[in-house]
């Protein structure tokens, strides 16, 4: 008899502790928030219902601020963030989420339900948390 396939959902492995910031904030503000939250990525809030979420990470800041010798207190988050971002649904099978990450070379993705970010997922969480459950 074939055993039923174990389905692990993104919801089961996502991190629910994530930081957010407004696009009008400065890079200096973003860096302070990242340091305080011990993270390298922040979700950029929507400005209105028809807007999309953005994301900023340390790589963006290194490329667009540090490498160009720009003052972090004079550059706004919206100038260097990625937007729109590829997001995933909480009920997605982690196998498909992992393929999405591989196909688009993603490092993180927000998990969106009912038009709100409810978590973040990364390849680490997919492998370490997700695969561990499969072989437990």
Protein backbone atom coordinates (compact mmCIF):
# COMPACT_ATOMS: atom_id res chain seq x y z
CA UNK A 1 0.00 0.00 0.00
CA UNK A 2 1.25 3.49 -0.86
CA UNK A 3 1.56 5.80 2.11
CA UNK A 4 -0.24 9.13 1.75
CA UNK A 5 2.08 12.01 0.91
CA UNK A 6 2.77 14.34 3.79
CA UNK A 7 1.85 17.90 2.83
CA UNK A 8 3.59 20.63 4.76
CA UNK A 9 2.20 24.09 4.19
CA UNK A 10 4.02 27.42 4.15
CA UNK A 11 1.88 28.37 7.16
CA UNK A 12 3.59 25.57 9.13
CA UNK A 13 7.13 26.89 8.57
CA UNK A 14 6.76 30.67 8.15
CA UNK A 15 8.14 33.10 10.68
CA UNK A 16 5.50 35.38 12.17
CA UNK A 17 7.97 37.82 13.68
CA UNK A 18 8.90 40.25 10.93
CA UNK A 19 9.48 43.95 10.73
CA UNK A 20 7.68 46.56 8.68
CA UNK A 21 8.52 50.11 7.68
CA UNK A 22 6.96 52.92 5.66
CA UNK A 23 8.47 53.80 2.31
CA UNK A 24 8.87 57.44 3.30
CA UNK A 25 11.19 56.45 6.19
CA UNK A 26 14.91 56.98 5.73
CA UNK A 27 17.51 54.28 5.27
CA UNK A 28 18.89 55.36 8.64
CA UNK A 29 15.49 54.52 10.19
CA UNK A 30 15.46 51.17 8.39
CA UNK A 31 18.95 50.28 9.62
CA UNK A 32 18.03 51.13 13.20
CA UNK A 33 14.90 49.00 12.97
CA UNK A 34 16.83 46.09 11.40
CA UNK A 35 19.42 46.22 14.15
CA UNK A 36 16.76 46.39 16.88
CA UNK A 37 14.81 43.45 15.41
CA UNK A 38 17.99 41.51 14.52
CA UNK A 39 16.89 41.05 10.92
CA UNK A 40 18.27 41.90 7.50
CA UNK A 41 14.93 42.43 5.76
CA UNK A 42 11.85 44.60 6.31
CA UNK A 43 8.45 44.61 4.62
CA UNK A 44 7.54 48.03 3.23
CA UNK A 45 3.93 48.86 4.06
CA UNK A 46 1.32 49.62 1.42
CA UNK A 47 0.41 53.30 1.10
CA UNK A 48 -3.22 52.48 0.23
CA UNK A 49 -5.42 49.48 -0.60
CA UNK A 50 -4.50 49.48 -4.30
CA UNK A 51 -0.77 49.60 -3.60
CA UNK A 52 1.55 46.58 -3.29
CA UNK A 53 3.93 45.54 -0.54
CA UNK A 54 7.62 46.21 -0.95
CA UNK A 55 10.72 44.78 0.68
CA UNK A 56 14.12 46.18 1.59
CA UNK A 57 17.16 44.21 2.66
CA UNK A 58 20.78 44.84 3.52
CA UNK A 59 21.86 43.96 -0.01
CA UNK A 60 19.66 46.74 -1.40
CA UNK A 61 21.17 49.19 1.06
CA UNK A 62 24.72 48.07 0.28
CA UNK A 63 24.19 48.42 -3.50
CA UNK A 64 22.17 51.62 -3.61
CA UNK A 65 23.40 53.58 -0.58
CA UNK A 66 26.74 52.35 0.73
CA UNK A 67 28.38 51.60 -2.65
CA UNK A 68 27.23 54.96 -4.03
CA UNK A 69 28.40 56.83 -0.93
CA UNK A 70 24.94 58.25 -0.25
CA UNK A 71 23.95 59.53 3.20
CA UNK A 72 21.54 57.04 4.88
CA UNK A 73 19.66 59.89 6.55
CA UNK A 74 19.00 61.53 3.17
CA UNK A 75 17.77 58.49 1.21
CA UNK A 76 14.23 57.18 1.58
CA UNK A 77 13.32 53.50 1.72
CA UNK A 78 11.13 53.83 -1.39
CA UNK A 79 14.19 54.84 -3.43
CA UNK A 80 15.97 51.51 -2.94
CA UNK A 81 13.28 48.94 -2.04
CA UNK A 82 12.02 46.15 -4.28
CA UNK A 83 8.38 46.50 -5.28
CA UNK A 84 6.21 44.64 -6.02
CA UNK A 85 7.54 41.52 -4.31
CA UNK A 86 6.74 37.92 -5.09
CA UNK A 87 4.55 36.64 -2.30
CA UNK A 88 3.17 33.24 -1.38
CA UNK A 89 -0.08 31.94 0.08
CA UNK A 90 -0.04 30.30 3.51
CA UNK A 91 -1.64 27.09 2.20
CA UNK A 92 0.99 26.54 -0.53
CA UNK A 93 2.86 23.22 -0.33
CA UNK A 94 6.47 23.94 0.68
CA UNK A 95 7.69 21.90 -2.31
CA UNK A 96 6.13 24.42 -4.70
CA UNK A 97 7.32 27.33 -2.60
CA UNK A 98 10.85 25.95 -2.79
CA UNK A 99 10.57 25.70 -6.60
CA UNK A 100 9.38 29.30 -6.74
CA UNK A 101 12.39 30.38 -4.70
CA UNK A 102 14.73 28.45 -7.00
CA UNK A 103 13.12 29.69 -10.23
CA UNK A 104 13.25 33.35 -9.20
CA UNK A 105 16.36 33.26 -7.02
CA UNK A 106 14.42 34.52 -3.99
CA UNK A 107 15.89 34.94 -0.53
CA UNK A 108 12.63 35.73 1.28
CA UNK A 109 8.97 36.10 0.47
CA UNK A 110 6.10 37.56 2.44
CA UNK A 111 3.20 35.25 3.19
CA UNK A 112 -0.03 37.06 2.36
CA UNK A 113 -3.54 36.14 3.42
CA UNK A 114 -6.58 38.37 2.91
CA UNK A 115 -4.33 41.14 1.51
CA UNK A 116 -2.23 41.28 4.72
CA UNK A 117 1.27 40.03 5.42
CA UNK A 118 1.03 37.33 8.09
CA UNK A 119 4.57 35.99 7.93
CA UNK A 120 7.85 35.59 6.08
CA UNK A 121 9.32 32.48 4.54
CA UNK A 122 12.90 31.75 3.51
CA UNK A 123 14.75 28.78 2.03
CA UNK A 124 16.15 28.10 5.52
CA UNK A 125 12.69 27.74 7.03
CA UNK A 126 11.54 25.57 4.10
CA UNK A 127 14.46 23.18 4.51
CA UNK A 128 15.18 23.23 8.23
CA UNK A 129 11.61 23.43 9.51
CA UNK A 130 9.76 21.83 6.58
CA UNK A 131 11.96 18.90 5.65
CA UNK A 132 12.56 18.09 9.30
CA UNK A 133 8.82 17.48 9.70
CA UNK A 134 8.85 15.17 6.67
CA UNK A 135 11.56 12.90 8.09
CA UNK A 136 10.56 13.11 11.75
